[in-house]
Amino acid sequence: MHRAARLNVSGVLINAAALVLVLSYALPYIYLLMTSIKPAADVQQIPPSFFPAVVSFENFREVLRSSTLPRAFVNSLTVAVLTTALSLSVAVTAAYVATQYRRRVTTIFLLFALVTRMVPSVALGVPLFQLLKSLGLLDTIPGLVLAHTSAAVPLALLLMSAFFEGVPKELEEAARMDGCTRFQAFRKIILPVMTGGMAVTALFTFITSWNEFLYALLLTSEATKTAPIVIAEYNSVYGLAWGAMTAAAVLYSLPVIIVTLALQKQIVGGLTFGAVKG
């Protein structure tokens, strides 16, 4: 009984620590949500209140009636989806070759991908601007997709390389013995095993593109402006529109939440992929 009591206390402490950790992450977002449903007069009251005295959706109506934010949301979603698809297609094949057929050149390739993650985006902004301008892709969706892909591919490559390291080589060898070509073994055997890893990589790549600010600021104008730029413009020389900004931020967070919930089974499978034994 004494041991059972200790285990019960340990369980309570672990659950309490987990609850504190969750609340530390959730409270800022909850406060953002509470602010977004306050009337305009209550948003800037002093001292501020956590919960709204009256629930109002006027902030959401304001941002949805604007001509720029809905179009910016479409631009952000288009760029994020295309960036995720392009980055994943490059990273999956490159990571598979680099990890399953290890050579000195592939090791250097992975180290180079790691080094590129250390280069700050601000150092690459001007060269990308000049390159896209020379190609006629400045202020276009394809140009921004290429810029985001250049930043997302190294991350996706490193993630997929870690997942492919956990794939037993015996899987491909067995498929080859059954008559599959190398490509058929990759497509029919390896890729289905990697569904969880690809879901995790796709999610992180999507978030990287969805939240990207600097390249969108440098490489776009009115036509292809993304949502982070529009949300930042609520802070102007005339003041900070807290109500509209928080409502836009809540709407902007929804796609990432929806994608995460939709892929949660694959994400859990990908995060526990290291437990698979050959």
Protein backbone atom coordinates (compact mmCIF):
# COMPACT_ATOMS: atom_id res chain seq x y z
CA MET A 1 0.00 0.00 0.00
CA HIS A 2 2.86 2.30 0.80
CA ARG A 3 4.37 1.77 -2.65
CA ALA A 4 0.97 2.29 -4.28
CA ALA A 5 0.59 5.57 -2.40
CA ARG A 6 4.01 6.74 -3.64
CA LEU A 7 3.07 5.86 -7.20
CA ASN A 8 -0.21 7.75 -6.83
CA VAL A 9 1.61 10.85 -5.52
CA SER A 10 4.11 10.62 -8.38
CA GLY A 11 1.27 10.41 -10.87
CA VAL A 12 -0.43 13.47 -9.37
CA LEU A 13 2.83 15.46 -9.49
CA ILE A 14 3.49 14.47 -13.10
CA ASN A 15 -0.05 15.44 -14.12
CA ALA A 16 0.24 18.74 -12.25
CA ALA A 17 3.54 19.53 -13.96
CA ALA A 18 2.02 18.65 -17.34
CA LEU A 19 -0.99 20.89 -16.62
CA VAL A 20 1.28 23.82 -15.70
CA LEU A 21 3.28 23.30 -18.89
CA VAL A 22 0.16 23.19 -21.04
CA LEU A 23 -1.29 26.29 -19.39
CA SER A 24 1.95 28.20 -19.86
CA TYR A 25 1.60 27.66 -23.61
CA ALA A 26 -2.18 27.97 -23.78
CA LEU A 27 -2.75 31.10 -21.67
CA PRO A 28 -1.27 33.60 -24.19
CA TYR A 29 -3.48 32.16 -26.93
CA ILE A 30 -6.53 32.14 -24.64
CA TYR A 31 -5.88 35.79 -23.79
CA LEU A 32 -5.55 36.53 -27.52
CA LEU A 33 -8.91 34.83 -28.11
CA MET A 34 -10.56 36.68 -25.21
CA THR A 35 -9.27 40.01 -26.53
CA SER A 36 -10.56 39.30 -30.03
CA ILE A 37 -14.17 38.96 -28.78
CA LYS A 38 -14.16 42.14 -26.68
CA PRO A 39 -15.94 45.29 -27.90
CA ALA A 40 -13.58 47.93 -29.26
CA ALA A 41 -14.13 50.15 -26.20
CA ASP A 42 -13.08 47.34 -23.82
CA VAL A 43 -9.94 46.24 -25.65
CA GLN A 44 -7.82 49.14 -24.40
CA GLN A 45 -9.36 49.60 -20.97
CA ILE A 46 -7.03 50.12 -18.00
CA PRO A 47 -6.57 47.96 -16.05
CA PRO A 48 -7.13 45.26 -18.69
CA SER A 49 -9.56 42.43 -18.03
CA PHE A 50 -8.90 38.83 -18.98
CA PHE A 51 -12.49 37.89 -19.82
CA PRO A 52 -14.79 40.14 -21.88
CA ALA A 53 -17.68 41.77 -20.05
CA VAL A 54 -19.72 41.46 -23.26
CA VAL A 55 -18.96 39.03 -26.08
CA SER A 56 -18.74 40.85 -29.40
CA PHE A 57 -17.72 39.69 -32.87
CA GLU A 58 -17.32 43.16 -34.35
CA ASN A 59 -13.53 42.68 -34.63
CA PHE A 60 -14.01 39.59 -36.78
CA ARG A 61 -16.59 41.37 -38.94
CA GLU A 62 -14.16 44.24 -39.41
CA VAL A 63 -11.26 42.10 -40.61
CA LEU A 64 -13.47 39.91 -42.84
CA ARG A 65 -15.01 42.99 -44.47
CA SER A 66 -11.56 44.36 -45.33
CA SER A 67 -10.42 43.98 -48.91
CA THR A 68 -6.84 42.96 -48.12
CA LEU A 69 -6.96 40.31 -45.40
CA PRO A 70 -9.06 37.61 -47.17
CA ARG A 71 -6.86 37.88 -50.26
CA ALA A 72 -3.74 37.76 -48.07
CA PHE A 73 -5.06 34.59 -46.40
CA VAL A 74 -5.50 32.96 -49.80
CA ASN A 75 -1.97 34.00 -50.76
CA SER A 76 -0.54 32.58 -47.53
CA LEU A 77 -2.40 29.30 -47.92
CA THR A 78 -1.39 28.93 -51.57
CA VAL A 79 2.26 29.63 -50.84
CA ALA A 80 2.34 27.34 -47.79
CA VAL A 81 0.70 24.39 -49.59
CA LEU A 82 2.93 24.70 -52.68
CA THR A 83 6.04 25.13 -50.53
CA THR A 84 5.16 22.06 -48.49
CA ALA A 85 4.54 19.92 -51.57
CA LEU A 86 7.72 21.05 -53.34
CA SER A 87 9.92 20.80 -50.24
CA LEU A 88 8.60 17.37 -49.31
CA SER A 89 9.10 15.97 -52.82
CA VAL A 90 12.73 17.14 -52.82
CA ALA A 91 13.52 16.20 -49.22
CA VAL A 92 12.03 12.69 -49.28
CA THR A 93 14.02 11.50 -52.29
CA ALA A 94 17.23 13.30 -51.29
CA ALA A 95 17.09 12.08 -47.68
CA TYR A 96 16.45 8.51 -48.77
CA VAL A 97 19.47 8.43 -51.06
CA ALA A 98 21.66 10.24 -48.52
CA THR A 99 20.85 7.85 -45.66
CA GLN A 100 20.36 4.48 -47.38
CA TYR A 101 23.36 4.77 -49.71
CA ARG A 102 25.80 6.49 -47.38
CA ARG A 103 28.86 7.88 -49.15
CA ARG A 104 31.30 10.63 -48.30
CA VAL A 105 29.55 12.98 -50.73
CA THR A 106 26.14 12.33 -49.14
CA THR A 107 27.56 13.01 -45.67
CA ILE A 108 28.94 16.33 -46.94
CA PHE A 109 25.54 17.02 -48.50
CA LEU A 110 23.75 16.57 -45.17
CA LEU A 111 26.33 18.70 -43.37
CA PHE A 112 25.85 21.42 -45.98
CA ALA A 113 22.09 21.31 -45.37
CA LEU A 114 22.76 21.72 -41.64
CA VAL A 115 25.06 24.69 -42.26
CA THR A 116 22.47 26.45 -44.43
CA ARG A 117 20.08 26.37 -41.45
CA MET A 118 22.61 28.48 -39.55
CA VAL A 119 22.58 31.29 -42.12
CA PRO A 120 20.15 34.04 -41.02
CA SER A 121 17.36 34.82 -43.46
CA VAL A 122 18.23 38.51 -43.44
CA ALA A 123 21.59 37.66 -45.03
CA LEU A 124 19.81 35.96 -47.95
CA GLY A 125 17.06 38.52 -48.47
CA VAL A 126 18.91 40.89 -50.82
CA PRO A 127 20.44 38.11 -53.00
CA LEU A 128 17.01 36.49 -53.32
CA PHE A 129 15.48 39.85 -54.20
CA GLN A 130 18.04 40.38 -56.99
CA LEU A 131 17.70 36.81 -58.27
CA LEU A 132 13.90 36.86 -58.45
CA LYS A 133 13.96 40.30 -60.00
CA SER A 134 16.28 39.09 -62.77
CA LEU A 135 13.97 36.11 -63.38
CA GLY A 136 10.85 38.28 -63.48
CA LEU A 137 9.41 36.51 -60.42
CA LEU A 138 9.40 39.42 -58.01
CA ASP A 139 5.99 40.00 -56.39
CA THR A 140 4.63 36.68 -57.69
CA ILE A 141 3.36 33.55 -55.96
CA PRO A 142 5.93 31.28 -57.71
CA GLY A 143 8.75 33.59 -56.67
CA LEU A 144 7.68 33.56 -53.02
CA VAL A 145 7.23 29.76 -53.14
CA LEU A 146 10.80 29.38 -54.38
CA ALA A 147 12.07 31.68 -51.62
CA HIS A 148 10.18 29.77 -48.94
CA THR A 149 11.30 26.44 -50.40
CA SER A 150 14.93 27.50 -50.20
CA ALA A 151 14.44 27.98 -46.45
CA ALA A 152 12.21 24.93 -45.89
CA VAL A 153 14.13 22.25 -47.81
CA PRO A 154 17.13 22.07 -45.41
CA LEU A 155 14.79 21.60 -42.43
CA ALA A 156 12.70 19.01 -44.28
CA LEU A 157 15.85 17.21 -45.43
CA LEU A 158 17.24 16.97 -41.91
CA LEU A 159 13.92 15.73 -40.52
CA MET A 160 13.44 13.11 -43.23
CA SER A 161 17.05 11.96 -42.88
CA ALA A 162 16.45 11.28 -39.19
CA PHE A 163 13.32 9.27 -40.03
CA PHE A 164 14.99 7.30 -42.83
CA GLU A 165 17.79 6.33 -40.44
CA GLY A 166 15.20 4.25 -38.60
CA VAL A 167 14.16 2.27 -41.69
CA PRO A 168 15.67 -1.23 -41.62
CA LYS A 169 17.67 -1.93 -44.78
CA GLU A 170 16.21 -5.44 -44.76
CA LEU A 171 12.88 -4.02 -45.99
CA GLU A 172 14.34 -2.94 -49.31
CA GLU A 173 16.50 -6.07 -49.58
CA ALA A 174 13.44 -8.28 -49.13
CA ALA A 175 11.54 -6.31 -51.77
CA ARG A 176 14.46 -6.60 -54.20
CA MET A 177 14.59 -10.35 -53.64
CA ASP A 178 10.87 -10.51 -54.51
CA GLY A 179 11.59 -8.91 -57.88
CA CYS A 180 11.01 -5.21 -57.21
CA THR A 181 13.26 -2.64 -58.78
CA ARG A 182 14.92 -0.10 -56.52
CA PHE A 183 12.29 2.52 -57.39
CA GLN A 184 9.42 0.04 -56.88
CA ALA A 185 10.82 -0.92 -53.47
CA PHE A 186 11.04 2.74 -52.54
CA ARG A 187 7.51 3.51 -53.75
CA LYS A 188 5.67 0.42 -52.55
CA ILE A 189 7.57 -0.52 -49.39
CA ILE A 190 9.54 2.39 -47.97
CA LEU A 191 7.13 5.29 -48.55
CA PRO A 192 4.14 3.63 -46.82
CA VAL A 193 6.34 3.00 -43.79
CA MET A 194 7.36 6.67 -43.76
CA THR A 195 3.83 8.13 -43.64
CA GLY A 196 4.25 9.37 -40.07
CA GLY A 197 7.63 10.92 -40.75
CA MET A 198 6.35 12.67 -43.85
CA ALA A 199 3.35 14.01 -41.89
CA VAL A 200 5.66 15.51 -39.25
CA THR A 201 7.92 17.00 -41.92
CA ALA A 202 4.95 18.37 -43.87
CA LEU A 203 3.55 20.01 -40.74
CA PHE A 204 6.82 21.72 -39.82
CA THR A 205 7.36 22.80 -43.42
CA PHE A 206 3.83 24.19 -43.63
CA ILE A 207 4.30 26.14 -40.39
CA THR A 208 7.67 27.47 -41.58
CA SER A 209 6.10 28.88 -44.73
CA TRP A 210 2.84 29.95 -43.05
CA ASN A 211 4.64 32.04 -40.42
CA GLU A 212 7.43 33.42 -42.64
CA PHE A 213 7.61 37.21 -42.52
CA LEU A 214 10.92 38.57 -43.85
CA TYR A 215 10.84 37.16 -47.38
CA ALA A 216 7.17 38.07 -47.72
CA LEU A 217 8.04 41.63 -46.67
CA LEU A 218 10.94 41.94 -49.12
CA LEU A 219 9.58 40.07 -52.12
CA THR A 220 5.89 41.03 -52.28
CA SER A 221 3.75 44.13 -52.57
CA GLU A 222 -0.01 44.59 -52.85
CA ALA A 223 -0.68 41.77 -55.33
CA THR A 224 0.89 38.86 -53.43
CA LYS A 225 1.03 40.20 -49.87
CA THR A 226 0.65 37.45 -47.27
CA ALA A 227 -1.35 37.49 -44.04
CA PRO A 228 1.57 38.17 -41.62
CA ILE A 229 2.32 41.40 -43.50
CA VAL A 230 -1.33 42.50 -43.40
CA ILE A 231 -1.63 41.70 -39.69
CA ALA A 232 1.53 43.70 -38.96
CA GLU A 233 0.01 46.68 -40.80
CA TYR A 234 -2.61 47.05 -38.06
CA ASN A 235 0.24 48.68 -36.15
CA SER A 236 0.41 52.03 -37.96
CA VAL A 237 1.33 55.65 -37.28
CA TYR A 238 -2.29 56.15 -36.22
CA GLY A 239 -2.03 53.62 -33.41
CA LEU A 240 -2.36 49.91 -32.78
CA ALA A 241 -5.72 48.35 -33.65
CA TRP A 242 -5.69 45.68 -30.94
CA GLY A 243 -9.16 44.33 -31.61
CA ALA A 244 -8.73 43.85 -35.35
CA MET A 245 -5.18 42.54 -34.94
CA THR A 246 -6.16 39.90 -32.38
CA ALA A 247 -9.16 38.80 -34.47
CA ALA A 248 -6.94 38.45 -37.54
CA ALA A 249 -4.37 36.54 -35.50
CA VAL A 250 -7.02 34.09 -34.24
CA LEU A 251 -8.23 33.47 -37.79
CA TYR A 252 -4.64 33.10 -38.95
CA SER A 253 -3.93 30.41 -36.35
CA LEU A 254 -6.86 28.22 -37.38
CA PRO A 255 -5.31 26.52 -40.47
CA VAL A 256 -2.30 25.33 -38.47
CA ILE A 257 -4.58 23.98 -35.73
CA ILE A 258 -6.78 22.23 -38.29
CA VAL A 259 -3.79 20.69 -40.11
CA THR A 260 -2.29 19.51 -36.81
CA LEU A 261 -5.56 17.89 -35.72
CA ALA A 262 -6.03 16.28 -39.14
CA LEU A 263 -2.53 14.76 -39.07
CA GLN A 264 -2.35 13.94 -35.36
CA LYS A 265 -2.34 10.16 -35.83
CA GLN A 266 0.42 10.35 -38.44
CA ILE A 267 2.36 12.82 -36.29
CA VAL A 268 2.26 10.53 -33.25
CA GLY A 269 3.31 7.63 -35.45
CA GLY A 270 6.17 9.68 -36.88
CA LEU A 271 7.40 10.85 -33.50
CA THR A 272 7.47 7.26 -32.22
CA PHE A 273 9.03 5.90 -35.42
CA GLY A 274 12.36 5.34 -33.70
CA ALA A 275 10.78 2.47 -31.78
CA VAL A 276 10.37 0.41 -34.98
CA LYS A 277 12.78 -2.50 -35.07
CA GLY A 278 14.07 -4.23 -38.16
